[in-house]
Amino acid sequence: MKVMGIVAGRHNGNSEIAVKEALLACQEAGAECTLVNLFDYNILPCTGCEGCTMSMGDVAQGKGEYKGCVLKEKDDVDKLISAMQTMDGVIIACPTYDLMPSSMYTRFAQRFLAYEQAFLLKIGTLKEDKHCVAGLIAVGGSCHDWQGLTLETMAASMFTQSIQVVDQYMVTRVGRPGNVLLREDHLERCHKMGENIIKAIQTPVAERGWLGDPDLGLCPNCHGGLIFRGEEHWDGIQFPFECAVCGAGGDIVKEDGKVKFVLAENGLCRDRNVDKCRDLHLDEIIETRIHFFQNMGEVQEKYGKYRELKFQSV
């Protein structure tokens, strides 16, 4: 068993301590453990060049070959993701800034698209799914009300790598570096996360499921807490409400005085955790691209106004 801990916070801070405690449990179970702190690596931001999806689209249409991210020779992201893709499990901890994960984590995660496993499987560049599992830890100085987007954002970054999230936990009330050392309950829960990761790895893929708090989040599929009013999908499917993280569709009902999100009969047809559901997005990208190039003349005609439009900068 191989497990990687990924820290997106300062050295010896609460996020790093939380991951180390979780890795201790993995190590005790016989796993080979690796720990990386993203601050030790050169991670360039995604430039939005669309080179990866354009190339994947070409290969899907029988043209050319996929060469990966245009930045892969310029920083350490390829090395990090290549190592991550050999793991059976990952445990990631990230501090919360203004309700969201730190920019260090999002900078790293937003480079994942060039390594999108569902797309690579679809075009034949990747031959098999590693079936990696993950535990996610959000760290913050206050309570859930000041960490409301962190776990969901981290979870949303996992499906691009076809990583199944089996546990999530929110470390609260730890405002100073090392503050978590005064909270034995948090350390015990992080240790339990490590045990859950090992349990998931040792469970046959088809039988793996959620091992975290059963009451976490409203979504019964991914346990995310962000449910929004549904809108029409690309292919016309629409649900009354959807999970913002996994895309599960259903309705909000009240049972025994409690609000619940109940999945529709076809509510998992666009489940982003499933490769075959997610690779439909590559079809959408290809269709958008074709439409764009078919109408390039109109685009160029209208572009002039905005190319010439100038405003004072700082």
C-alpha atoms as a PDB file:
ATOM      1  CA  MET A   1       0.000   0.000   0.000  1.00  0.00           C
ATOM      2  CA  LYS A   2       1.260   3.447  -0.932  1.00  0.00           C
ATOM      3  CA  VAL A   3      -0.205   6.596   0.634  1.00  0.00           C
ATOM      4  CA  MET A   4       0.786  10.201  -0.043  1.00  0.00           C
ATOM      5  CA  GLY A   5       0.141  13.089   2.318  1.00  0.00           C
ATOM      6  CA  ILE A   6      -0.223  16.484   0.634  1.00  0.00           C
ATOM      7  CA  VAL A   7      -0.001  19.672   2.685  1.00  0.00           C
ATOM      8  CA  ALA A   8      -1.014  23.099   1.373  1.00  0.00           C
ATOM      9  CA  GLY A   9      -0.109  24.982   4.540  1.00  0.00           C
ATOM     10  CA  ARG A  10       3.022  26.212   6.281  1.00  0.00           C
ATOM     11  CA  HIS A  11       5.698  23.844   7.571  1.00  0.00           C
ATOM     12  CA  ASN A  12       4.929  22.525  11.065  1.00  0.00           C
ATOM     13  CA  GLY A  13       1.516  24.194  10.901  1.00  0.00           C
ATOM     14  CA  ASN A  14      -1.828  22.641  11.780  1.00  0.00           C
ATOM     15  CA  SER A  15      -2.404  21.202   8.291  1.00  0.00           C
ATOM     16  CA  GLU A  16       0.963  19.446   8.297  1.00  0.00           C
ATOM     17  CA  ILE A  17       0.441  18.083  11.807  1.00  0.00           C
ATOM     18  CA  ALA A  18      -2.997  16.763  10.825  1.00  0.00           C
ATOM     19  CA  VAL A  19      -1.615  14.948   7.781  1.00  0.00           C
ATOM     20  CA  LYS A  20       1.301  13.510   9.731  1.00  0.00           C
ATOM     21  CA  GLU A  21      -1.084  12.102  12.337  1.00  0.00           C
ATOM     22  CA  ALA A  22      -3.182  10.484   9.599  1.00  0.00           C
ATOM     23  CA  LEU A  23      -0.070   9.078   7.929  1.00  0.00           C
ATOM     24  CA  LEU A  24       1.022   7.565  11.263  1.00  0.00           C
ATOM     25  CA  ALA A  25      -2.067   5.356  11.173  1.00  0.00           C
ATOM     26  CA  CYS A  26      -1.259   4.331   7.587  1.00  0.00           C
ATOM     27  CA  GLN A  27       2.333   3.581   8.527  1.00  0.00           C
ATOM     28  CA  GLU A  28       1.212   1.499  11.509  1.00  0.00           C
ATOM     29  CA  ALA A  29      -0.866  -0.584   9.067  1.00  0.00           C
ATOM     30  CA  GLY A  30       2.198  -1.255   6.915  1.00  0.00           C
ATOM     31  CA  ALA A  31       1.755   1.370   4.205  1.00  0.00           C
ATOM     32  CA  GLU A  32       4.655   3.079   2.458  1.00  0.00           C
ATOM     33  CA  CYS A  33       4.064   6.768   3.199  1.00  0.00           C
ATOM     34  CA  THR A  34       5.181   9.890   1.349  1.00  0.00           C
ATOM     35  CA  LEU A  35       4.694  13.483   2.494  1.00  0.00           C
ATOM     36  CA  VAL A  36       4.888  16.585   0.313  1.00  0.00           C
ATOM     37  CA  ASN A  37       4.360  20.198   1.275  1.00  0.00           C
ATOM     38  CA  LEU A  38       3.358  22.232  -1.767  1.00  0.00           C
ATOM     39  CA  PHE A  39       5.394  25.190  -0.531  1.00  0.00           C
ATOM     40  CA  ASP A  40       8.537  23.193  -1.395  1.00  0.00           C
ATOM     41  CA  TYR A  41       7.690  23.070  -5.106  1.00  0.00           C
ATOM     42  CA  ASN A  42       7.477  25.414  -8.060  1.00  0.00           C
ATOM     43  CA  ILE A  43       3.820  25.408  -9.105  1.00  0.00           C
ATOM     44  CA  LEU A  44       2.885  27.734 -11.948  1.00  0.00           C
ATOM     45  CA  PRO A  45      -0.759  28.759 -12.371  1.00  0.00           C
ATOM     46  CA  CYS A  46      -2.784  27.359 -15.245  1.00  0.00           C
ATOM     47  CA  THR A  47      -2.631  29.909 -18.076  1.00  0.00           C
ATOM     48  CA  GLY A  48      -5.980  28.912 -19.538  1.00  0.00           C
ATOM     49  CA  CYS A  49      -4.338  28.120 -22.874  1.00  0.00           C
ATOM     50  CA  GLU A  50      -6.696  25.158 -23.435  1.00  0.00           C
ATOM     51  CA  GLY A  51      -3.799  23.272 -24.998  1.00  0.00           C
ATOM     52  CA  CYS A  52      -4.646  20.128 -23.034  1.00  0.00           C
ATOM     53  CA  THR A  53      -8.353  19.952 -23.887  1.00  0.00           C
ATOM     54  CA  MET A  54      -7.735  21.018 -27.491  1.00  0.00           C
ATOM     55  CA  SER A  55      -5.208  18.219 -27.875  1.00  0.00           C
ATOM     56  CA  MET A  56      -7.435  15.685 -26.133  1.00  0.00           C
ATOM     57  CA  GLY A  57     -10.256  16.711 -28.454  1.00  0.00           C
ATOM     58  CA  ASP A  58      -8.007  16.159 -31.478  1.00  0.00           C
ATOM     59  CA  VAL A  59      -7.036  12.677 -30.312  1.00  0.00           C
ATOM     60  CA  ALA A  60     -10.689  11.834 -29.592  1.00  0.00           C
ATOM     61  CA  GLN A  61     -11.391  12.695 -33.242  1.00  0.00           C
ATOM     62  CA  GLY A  62      -8.497  10.556 -34.481  1.00  0.00           C
ATOM     63  CA  LYS A  63      -5.960  13.339 -34.999  1.00  0.00           C
ATOM     64  CA  GLY A  64      -2.463  13.690 -33.516  1.00  0.00           C
ATOM     65  CA  GLU A  65      -1.188  12.524 -30.154  1.00  0.00           C
ATOM     66  CA  TYR A  66      -1.526  13.849 -26.627  1.00  0.00           C
ATOM     67  CA  LYS A  67       1.606  15.484 -25.243  1.00  0.00           C
ATOM     68  CA  GLY A  68       0.269  16.775 -21.924  1.00  0.00           C
ATOM     69  CA  CYS A  69       0.406  20.158 -20.239  1.00  0.00           C
ATOM     70  CA  VAL A  70       2.430  22.862 -22.010  1.00  0.00           C
ATOM     71  CA  LEU A  71       3.977  23.779 -18.623  1.00  0.00           C
ATOM     72  CA  LYS A  72       5.144  20.304 -17.645  1.00  0.00           C
ATOM     73  CA  GLU A  73       8.820  21.023 -18.371  1.00  0.00           C
ATOM     74  CA  LYS A  74       8.707  24.408 -16.620  1.00  0.00           C
ATOM     75  CA  ASP A  75       7.744  23.538 -13.039  1.00  0.00           C
ATOM     76  CA  ASP A  76       7.217  20.628 -10.624  1.00  0.00           C
ATOM     77  CA  VAL A  77       3.552  19.850 -11.209  1.00  0.00           C
ATOM     78  CA  ASP A  78       4.156  16.952 -13.609  1.00  0.00           C
ATOM     79  CA  LYS A  79       6.482  15.340 -11.063  1.00  0.00           C
ATOM     80  CA  LEU A  80       3.926  15.757  -8.269  1.00  0.00           C
ATOM     81  CA  ILE A  81       0.934  14.475 -10.224  1.00  0.00           C
ATOM     82  CA  SER A  82       2.904  11.597 -11.728  1.00  0.00           C
ATOM     83  CA  ALA A  83       3.856  10.505  -8.204  1.00  0.00           C
ATOM     84  CA  MET A  84       0.294  10.999  -6.961  1.00  0.00           C
ATOM     85  CA  GLN A  85      -1.039   8.780  -9.731  1.00  0.00           C
ATOM     86  CA  THR A  86       1.024   5.843  -8.433  1.00  0.00           C
ATOM     87  CA  MET A  87      -0.630   6.011  -5.003  1.00  0.00           C
ATOM     88  CA  ASP A  88      -3.342   3.816  -3.553  1.00  0.00           C
ATOM     89  CA  GLY A  89      -4.438   6.638  -1.265  1.00  0.00           C
ATOM     90  CA  VAL A  90      -3.890  10.351  -0.644  1.00  0.00           C
ATOM     91  CA  ILE A  91      -4.559  12.454   2.435  1.00  0.00           C
ATOM     92  CA  ILE A  92      -4.731  16.194   1.817  1.00  0.00           C
ATOM     93  CA  ALA A  93      -4.904  19.005   4.369  1.00  0.00           C
ATOM     94  CA  CYS A  94      -5.407  22.642   3.527  1.00  0.00           C
ATOM     95  CA  PRO A  95      -5.911  25.821   5.550  1.00  0.00           C
ATOM     96  CA  THR A  96      -9.029  27.873   4.951  1.00  0.00           C
ATOM     97  CA  TYR A  97      -8.787  31.490   3.797  1.00  0.00           C
ATOM     98  CA  ASP A  98     -12.050  33.467   3.471  1.00  0.00           C
ATOM     99  CA  LEU A  99     -14.203  30.308   3.414  1.00  0.00           C
ATOM    100  CA  MET A 100     -12.079  28.707   0.672  1.00  0.00           C
ATOM    101  CA  PRO A 101      -8.944  26.540   0.338  1.00  0.00           C
ATOM    102  CA  SER A 102      -5.652  28.393   0.247  1.00  0.00           C
ATOM    103  CA  SER A 103      -4.479  29.638  -3.140  1.00  0.00           C
ATOM    104  CA  MET A 104      -1.512  27.275  -2.879  1.00  0.00           C
ATOM    105  CA  TYR A 105      -3.892  24.326  -3.077  1.00  0.00           C
ATOM    106  CA  THR A 106      -6.126  25.736  -5.810  1.00  0.00           C
ATOM    107  CA  ARG A 107      -3.081  26.669  -7.909  1.00  0.00           C
ATOM    108  CA  PHE A 108      -1.990  23.027  -7.751  1.00  0.00           C
ATOM    109  CA  ALA A 109      -5.440  21.504  -8.251  1.00  0.00           C
ATOM    110  CA  GLN A 110      -6.333  23.701 -11.203  1.00  0.00           C
ATOM    111  CA  ARG A 111      -3.475  22.117 -13.136  1.00  0.00           C
ATOM    112  CA  PHE A 112      -5.195  18.707 -12.900  1.00  0.00           C
ATOM    113  CA  LEU A 113      -7.192  19.111 -16.120  1.00  0.00           C
ATOM    114  CA  ALA A 114      -4.202  18.211 -18.298  1.00  0.00           C
ATOM    115  CA  TYR A 115      -4.116  14.917 -16.376  1.00  0.00           C
ATOM    116  CA  GLU A 116      -7.902  14.315 -16.382  1.00  0.00           C
ATOM    117  CA  GLN A 117      -8.105  10.546 -16.094  1.00  0.00           C
ATOM    118  CA  ALA A 118     -11.571  10.115 -17.608  1.00  0.00           C
ATOM    119  CA  PHE A 119     -10.457  12.012 -20.716  1.00  0.00           C
ATOM    120  CA  LEU A 120      -7.140  10.141 -20.932  1.00  0.00           C
ATOM    121  CA  LEU A 121      -8.937   6.818 -20.574  1.00  0.00           C
ATOM    122  CA  LYS A 122     -11.377   7.853 -23.286  1.00  0.00           C
ATOM    123  CA  ILE A 123      -8.638   8.712 -25.799  1.00  0.00           C
ATOM    124  CA  GLY A 124      -6.534   5.668 -24.879  1.00  0.00           C
ATOM    125  CA  THR A 125      -3.521   7.539 -23.464  1.00  0.00           C
ATOM    126  CA  LEU A 126      -4.188   6.023 -20.032  1.00  0.00           C
ATOM    127  CA  LYS A 127      -4.841   2.292 -19.956  1.00  0.00           C
ATOM    128  CA  GLU A 128      -6.304   1.751 -16.492  1.00  0.00           C
ATOM    129  CA  ASP A 129      -7.766   3.550 -13.499  1.00  0.00           C
ATOM    130  CA  LYS A 130      -5.601   3.323 -10.369  1.00  0.00           C
ATOM    131  CA  HIS A 131      -8.716   3.512  -8.163  1.00  0.00           C
ATOM    132  CA  CYS A 132      -7.056   5.785  -5.635  1.00  0.00           C
ATOM    133  CA  VAL A 133      -8.949   6.865  -2.503  1.00  0.00           C
ATOM    134  CA  ALA A 134      -8.683  10.131  -0.578  1.00  0.00           C
ATOM    135  CA  GLY A 135      -9.218  11.689   2.806  1.00  0.00           C
ATOM    136  CA  LEU A 136      -9.622  15.479   2.936  1.00  0.00           C
ATOM    137  CA  ILE A 137      -8.934  17.765   5.893  1.00  0.00           C
ATOM    138  CA  ALA A 138      -9.956  21.431   6.046  1.00  0.00           C
ATOM    139  CA  VAL A 139      -8.231  23.520   8.718  1.00  0.00           C
ATOM    140  CA  GLY A 140      -9.440  26.837  10.134  1.00  0.00           C
ATOM    141  CA  GLY A 141      -9.405  29.166  13.094  1.00  0.00           C
ATOM    142  CA  SER A 142     -13.167  29.386  13.523  1.00  0.00           C
ATOM    143  CA  CYS A 143     -16.108  27.048  12.876  1.00  0.00           C
ATOM    144  CA  HIS A 144     -17.973  25.644   9.876  1.00  0.00           C
ATOM    145  CA  ASP A 145     -19.509  29.040   9.101  1.00  0.00           C
ATOM    146  CA  TRP A 146     -16.016  30.345   8.222  1.00  0.00           C
ATOM    147  CA  GLN A 147     -14.926  27.184   6.360  1.00  0.00           C
ATOM    148  CA  GLY A 148     -18.029  26.588   4.285  1.00  0.00           C
ATOM    149  CA  LEU A 149     -16.420  26.123   0.857  1.00  0.00           C
ATOM    150  CA  THR A 150     -13.141  24.402   1.677  1.00  0.00           C
ATOM    151  CA  LEU A 151     -14.016  20.701   1.801  1.00  0.00           C
ATOM    152  CA  GLU A 152     -16.391  21.040  -1.154  1.00  0.00           C
ATOM    153  CA  THR A 153     -13.731  22.763  -3.280  1.00  0.00           C
ATOM    154  CA  MET A 154     -11.134  20.152  -2.357  1.00  0.00           C
ATOM    155  CA  ALA A 155     -13.587  17.350  -3.132  1.00  0.00           C
ATOM    156  CA  ALA A 156     -14.399  18.924  -6.501  1.00  0.00           C
ATOM    157  CA  SER A 157     -10.710  18.747  -7.402  1.00  0.00           C
ATOM    158  CA  MET A 158     -10.573  14.994  -6.777  1.00  0.00           C
ATOM    159  CA  PHE A 159     -12.880  13.726  -9.510  1.00  0.00           C
ATOM    160  CA  THR A 160     -10.555  15.072 -12.211  1.00  0.00           C
ATOM    161  CA  GLN A 161      -8.052  12.474 -11.013  1.00  0.00           C
ATOM    162  CA  SER A 162     -10.728   9.757 -10.598  1.00  0.00           C
ATOM    163  CA  ILE A 163      -9.955   9.712  -6.876  1.00  0.00           C
ATOM    164  CA  GLN A 164     -12.763   8.442  -4.642  1.00  0.00           C
ATOM    165  CA  VAL A 165     -13.183  10.523  -1.496  1.00  0.00           C
ATOM    166  CA  VAL A 166     -14.006   8.153   1.373  1.00  0.00           C
ATOM    167  CA  ASP A 167     -13.546  10.533   4.308  1.00  0.00           C
ATOM    168  CA  GLN A 168     -13.568  14.263   5.045  1.00  0.00           C
ATOM    169  CA  TYR A 169     -13.017  16.175   8.260  1.00  0.00           C
ATOM    170  CA  MET A 170     -13.021  19.805   9.344  1.00  0.00           C
ATOM    171  CA  VAL A 171     -10.441  20.875  11.927  1.00  0.00           C
ATOM    172  CA  THR A 172     -11.913  23.941  13.648  1.00  0.00           C
ATOM    173  CA  ARG A 173     -10.852  26.521  16.251  1.00  0.00           C
ATOM    174  CA  VAL A 174      -7.115  26.235  15.528  1.00  0.00           C
ATOM    175  CA  GLY A 175      -6.043  29.757  14.640  1.00  0.00           C
ATOM    176  CA  ARG A 176      -2.330  29.598  15.446  1.00  0.00           C
ATOM    177  CA  PRO A 177       0.390  27.247  14.105  1.00  0.00           C
ATOM    178  CA  GLY A 178       0.479  24.226  16.410  1.00  0.00           C
ATOM    179  CA  ASN A 179      -2.921  25.082  17.912  1.00  0.00           C
ATOM    180  CA  VAL A 180      -4.196  21.625  16.922  1.00  0.00           C
ATOM    181  CA  LEU A 181      -1.833  20.079  19.479  1.00  0.00           C
ATOM    182  CA  LEU A 182      -4.189  21.386  22.166  1.00  0.00           C
ATOM    183  CA  ARG A 183      -7.125  19.543  20.564  1.00  0.00           C
ATOM    184  CA  GLU A 184      -6.721  15.825  21.133  1.00  0.00           C
ATOM    185  CA  ASP A 185     -10.147  15.223  19.553  1.00  0.00           C
ATOM    186  CA  HIS A 186      -8.884  16.583  16.234  1.00  0.00           C
ATOM    187  CA  LEU A 187      -5.719  14.490  16.350  1.00  0.00           C
ATOM    188  CA  GLU A 188      -7.689  11.346  17.132  1.00  0.00           C
ATOM    189  CA  ARG A 189     -10.033  12.031  14.220  1.00  0.00           C
ATOM    190  CA  CYS A 190      -7.119  12.570  11.829  1.00  0.00           C
ATOM    191  CA  HIS A 191      -5.631   9.273  13.001  1.00  0.00           C
ATOM    192  CA  LYS A 192      -8.993   7.644  12.316  1.00  0.00           C
ATOM    193  CA  MET A 193      -8.917   9.101   8.798  1.00  0.00           C
ATOM    194  CA  GLY A 194      -5.642   7.293   8.193  1.00  0.00           C
ATOM    195  CA  GLU A 195      -7.254   4.069   9.389  1.00  0.00           C
ATOM    196  CA  ASN A 196     -10.190   4.688   7.052  1.00  0.00           C
ATOM    197  CA  ILE A 197      -7.861   5.178   4.097  1.00  0.00           C
ATOM    198  CA  ILE A 198      -6.239   1.804   4.806  1.00  0.00           C
ATOM    199  CA  LYS A 199      -9.659   0.185   5.202  1.00  0.00           C
ATOM    200  CA  ALA A 200     -10.745   1.573   1.831  1.00  0.00           C
ATOM    201  CA  ILE A 201      -7.556   0.440   0.095  1.00  0.00           C
ATOM    202  CA  GLN A 202      -8.059  -3.077   1.460  1.00  0.00           C
ATOM    203  CA  THR A 203     -11.704  -3.169   0.296  1.00  0.00           C
ATOM    204  CA  PRO A 204     -12.499  -4.372  -3.246  1.00  0.00           C
ATOM    205  CA  VAL A 205     -13.113  -1.390  -5.520  1.00  0.00           C
ATOM    206  CA  ALA A 206     -16.746  -2.259  -6.220  1.00  0.00           C
ATOM    207  CA  GLU A 207     -17.482  -2.436  -2.481  1.00  0.00           C
ATOM    208  CA  ARG A 208     -15.821   0.819  -1.404  1.00  0.00           C
ATOM    209  CA  GLY A 209     -17.995   3.478   0.138  1.00  0.00           C
ATOM    210  CA  TRP A 210     -18.137   6.457   2.458  1.00  0.00           C
ATOM    211  CA  LEU A 211     -16.284   5.948   5.763  1.00  0.00           C
ATOM    212  CA  GLY A 212     -16.572   9.420   7.249  1.00  0.00           C
ATOM    213  CA  ASP A 213     -19.281  11.028   9.353  1.00  0.00           C
ATOM    214  CA  PRO A 214     -22.582   9.658   7.953  1.00  0.00           C
ATOM    215  CA  ASP A 215     -24.310  12.965   8.680  1.00  0.00           C
ATOM    216  CA  LEU A 216     -21.734  15.143   6.896  1.00  0.00           C
ATOM    217  CA  GLY A 217     -23.289  17.256   4.141  1.00  0.00           C
ATOM    218  CA  LEU A 218     -26.704  17.056   2.497  1.00  0.00           C
ATOM    219  CA  CYS A 219     -25.671  15.035  -0.556  1.00  0.00           C
ATOM    220  CA  PRO A 220     -26.033  11.273   0.028  1.00  0.00           C
ATOM    221  CA  ASN A 221     -23.646  10.607  -2.856  1.00  0.00           C
ATOM    222  CA  CYS A 222     -20.557  12.700  -2.035  1.00  0.00           C
ATOM    223  CA  HIS A 223     -21.564  14.196   1.343  1.00  0.00           C
ATOM    224  CA  GLY A 224     -21.074  17.723   0.030  1.00  0.00           C
ATOM    225  CA  GLY A 225     -23.071  20.505   1.618  1.00  0.00           C
ATOM    226  CA  LEU A 226     -23.705  22.720  -1.420  1.00  0.00           C
ATOM    227  CA  ILE A 227     -27.079  22.068  -3.063  1.00  0.00           C
ATOM    228  CA  PHE A 228     -28.392  24.505  -5.682  1.00  0.00           C
ATOM    229  CA  ARG A 229     -31.538  24.890  -7.777  1.00  0.00           C
ATOM    230  CA  GLY A 230     -31.070  22.759 -10.892  1.00  0.00           C
ATOM    231  CA  GLU A 231     -30.766  24.147 -14.399  1.00  0.00           C
ATOM    232  CA  GLU A 232     -30.867  22.447 -17.773  1.00  0.00           C
ATOM    233  CA  HIS A 233     -27.783  20.430 -18.663  1.00  0.00           C
ATOM    234  CA  TRP A 234     -26.047  20.376 -22.028  1.00  0.00           C
ATOM    235  CA  ASP A 235     -28.097  17.333 -23.068  1.00  0.00           C
ATOM    236  CA  GLY A 236     -31.400  18.712 -21.742  1.00  0.00           C
ATOM    237  CA  ILE A 237     -31.521  16.797 -18.448  1.00  0.00           C
ATOM    238  CA  GLN A 238     -32.735  18.877 -15.516  1.00  0.00           C
ATOM    239  CA  PHE A 239     -33.331  18.185 -11.825  1.00  0.00           C
ATOM    240  CA  PRO A 240     -35.159  20.303  -9.239  1.00  0.00           C
ATOM    241  CA  PHE A 241     -31.923  20.525  -7.234  1.00  0.00           C
ATOM    242  CA  GLU A 242     -28.323  19.421  -7.740  1.00  0.00           C
ATOM    243  CA  CYS A 243     -25.177  18.869  -5.708  1.00  0.00           C
ATOM    244  CA  ALA A 244     -22.619  21.477  -6.721  1.00  0.00           C
ATOM    245  CA  VAL A 245     -19.754  19.035  -6.140  1.00  0.00           C
ATOM    246  CA  CYS A 246     -20.694  15.680  -7.675  1.00  0.00           C
ATOM    247  CA  GLY A 247     -23.617  16.734  -9.885  1.00  0.00           C
ATOM    248  CA  ALA A 248     -26.125  14.359  -8.280  1.00  0.00           C
ATOM    249  CA  GLY A 249     -29.705  15.419  -9.016  1.00  0.00           C
ATOM    250  CA  GLY A 250     -32.837  15.176  -6.917  1.00  0.00           C
ATOM    251  CA  ASP A 251     -35.188  17.147  -4.735  1.00  0.00           C
ATOM    252  CA  ILE A 252     -35.164  18.651  -1.263  1.00  0.00           C
ATOM    253  CA  VAL A 253     -37.784  17.165   1.037  1.00  0.00           C
ATOM    254  CA  LYS A 254     -38.617  17.327   4.707  1.00  0.00           C
ATOM    255  CA  GLU A 255     -38.884  14.058   6.607  1.00  0.00           C
ATOM    256  CA  ASP A 256     -39.380  13.701  10.367  1.00  0.00           C
ATOM    257  CA  GLY A 257     -38.649  17.391  10.781  1.00  0.00           C
ATOM    258  CA  LYS A 258     -35.329  17.174   8.933  1.00  0.00           C
ATOM    259  CA  VAL A 259     -34.420  18.531   5.517  1.00  0.00           C
ATOM    260  CA  LYS A 260     -33.041  15.862   3.159  1.00  0.00           C
ATOM    261  CA  PHE A 261     -31.718  15.807  -0.386  1.00  0.00           C
ATOM    262  CA  VAL A 262     -33.324  12.775  -2.055  1.00  0.00           C
ATOM    263  CA  LEU A 263     -31.827  11.564  -5.337  1.00  0.00           C
ATOM    264  CA  ALA A 264     -33.986  11.199  -8.433  1.00  0.00           C
ATOM    265  CA  GLU A 265     -34.239   7.795 -10.102  1.00  0.00           C
ATOM    266  CA  ASN A 266     -31.694   8.959 -12.697  1.00  0.00           C
ATOM    267  CA  GLY A 267     -30.013  11.327 -10.254  1.00  0.00           C
ATOM    268  CA  LEU A 268     -26.529   9.866 -10.748  1.00  0.00           C
ATOM    269  CA  CYS A 269     -26.520   9.931 -14.554  1.00  0.00           C
ATOM    270  CA  ARG A 270     -24.091  12.875 -14.460  1.00  0.00           C
ATOM    271  CA  ASP A 271     -22.153  11.806 -11.358  1.00  0.00           C
ATOM    272  CA  ARG A 272     -18.752  13.452 -11.764  1.00  0.00           C
ATOM    273  CA  ASN A 273     -17.146  10.705  -9.667  1.00  0.00           C
ATOM    274  CA  VAL A 274     -17.789   8.177 -12.461  1.00  0.00           C
ATOM    275  CA  ASP A 275     -15.368   8.220 -15.399  1.00  0.00           C
ATOM    276  CA  LYS A 276     -18.006   7.281 -17.989  1.00  0.00           C
ATOM    277  CA  CYS A 277     -20.295  10.066 -16.801  1.00  0.00           C
ATOM    278  CA  ARG A 278     -17.517  12.616 -16.631  1.00  0.00           C
ATOM    279  CA  ASP A 279     -16.011  11.919 -20.039  1.00  0.00           C
ATOM    280  CA  LEU A 280     -19.234  13.328 -21.521  1.00  0.00           C
ATOM    281  CA  HIS A 281     -17.738  16.699 -20.659  1.00  0.00           C
ATOM    282  CA  LEU A 282     -15.032  16.149 -23.292  1.00  0.00           C
ATOM    283  CA  ASP A 283     -17.820  15.777 -25.871  1.00  0.00           C
ATOM    284  CA  GLU A 284     -19.193  19.136 -24.727  1.00  0.00           C
ATOM    285  CA  ILE A 285     -15.761  20.731 -25.047  1.00  0.00           C
ATOM    286  CA  ILE A 286     -15.346  19.323 -28.562  1.00  0.00           C
ATOM    287  CA  GLU A 287     -18.792  20.553 -29.621  1.00  0.00           C
ATOM    288  CA  THR A 288     -18.066  24.043 -28.271  1.00  0.00           C
ATOM    289  CA  ARG A 289     -14.771  24.110 -30.129  1.00  0.00           C
ATOM    290  CA  ILE A 290     -16.332  23.047 -33.430  1.00  0.00           C
ATOM    291  CA  HIS A 291     -19.017  25.732 -33.132  1.00  0.00           C
ATOM    292  CA  PHE A 292     -16.376  28.355 -32.338  1.00  0.00           C
ATOM    293  CA  PHE A 293     -14.230  27.624 -35.388  1.00  0.00           C
ATOM    294  CA  GLN A 294     -17.265  27.388 -37.659  1.00  0.00           C
ATOM    295  CA  ASN A 295     -18.089  30.954 -36.645  1.00  0.00           C
ATOM    296  CA  MET A 296     -14.544  32.354 -36.581  1.00  0.00           C
ATOM    297  CA  GLY A 297     -15.380  35.027 -39.157  1.00  0.00           C
ATOM    298  CA  GLU A 298     -18.063  36.542 -36.935  1.00  0.00           C
ATOM    299  CA  VAL A 299     -15.744  36.360 -33.925  1.00  0.00           C
ATOM    300  CA  GLN A 300     -12.945  38.207 -35.733  1.00  0.00           C
ATOM    301  CA  GLU A 301     -15.369  40.828 -36.984  1.00  0.00           C
ATOM    302  CA  LYS A 302     -16.520  41.607 -33.442  1.00  0.00           C
ATOM    303  CA  TYR A 303     -13.092  41.240 -31.825  1.00  0.00           C
ATOM    304  CA  GLY A 304     -11.788  44.559 -33.113  1.00  0.00           C
ATOM    305  CA  LYS A 305     -13.922  46.638 -30.773  1.00  0.00           C
ATOM    306  CA  TYR A 306     -12.535  44.923 -27.698  1.00  0.00           C
ATOM    307  CA  ARG A 307      -8.921  44.723 -28.880  1.00  0.00           C
ATOM    308  CA  GLU A 308      -8.875  48.487 -29.347  1.00  0.00           C
ATOM    309  CA  LEU A 309     -10.782  49.288 -26.155  1.00  0.00           C
ATOM    310  CA  LYS A 310      -8.299  50.584 -23.563  1.00  0.00           C
ATOM    311  CA  PHE A 311      -8.710  51.631 -19.954  1.00  0.00           C
ATOM    312  CA  GLN A 312      -6.280  53.121 -17.475  1.00  0.00           C
ATOM    313  CA  SER A 313      -4.436  50.531 -15.393  1.00  0.00           C
ATOM    314  CA  VAL A 314      -2.902  50.848 -11.927  1.00  0.00           C
END
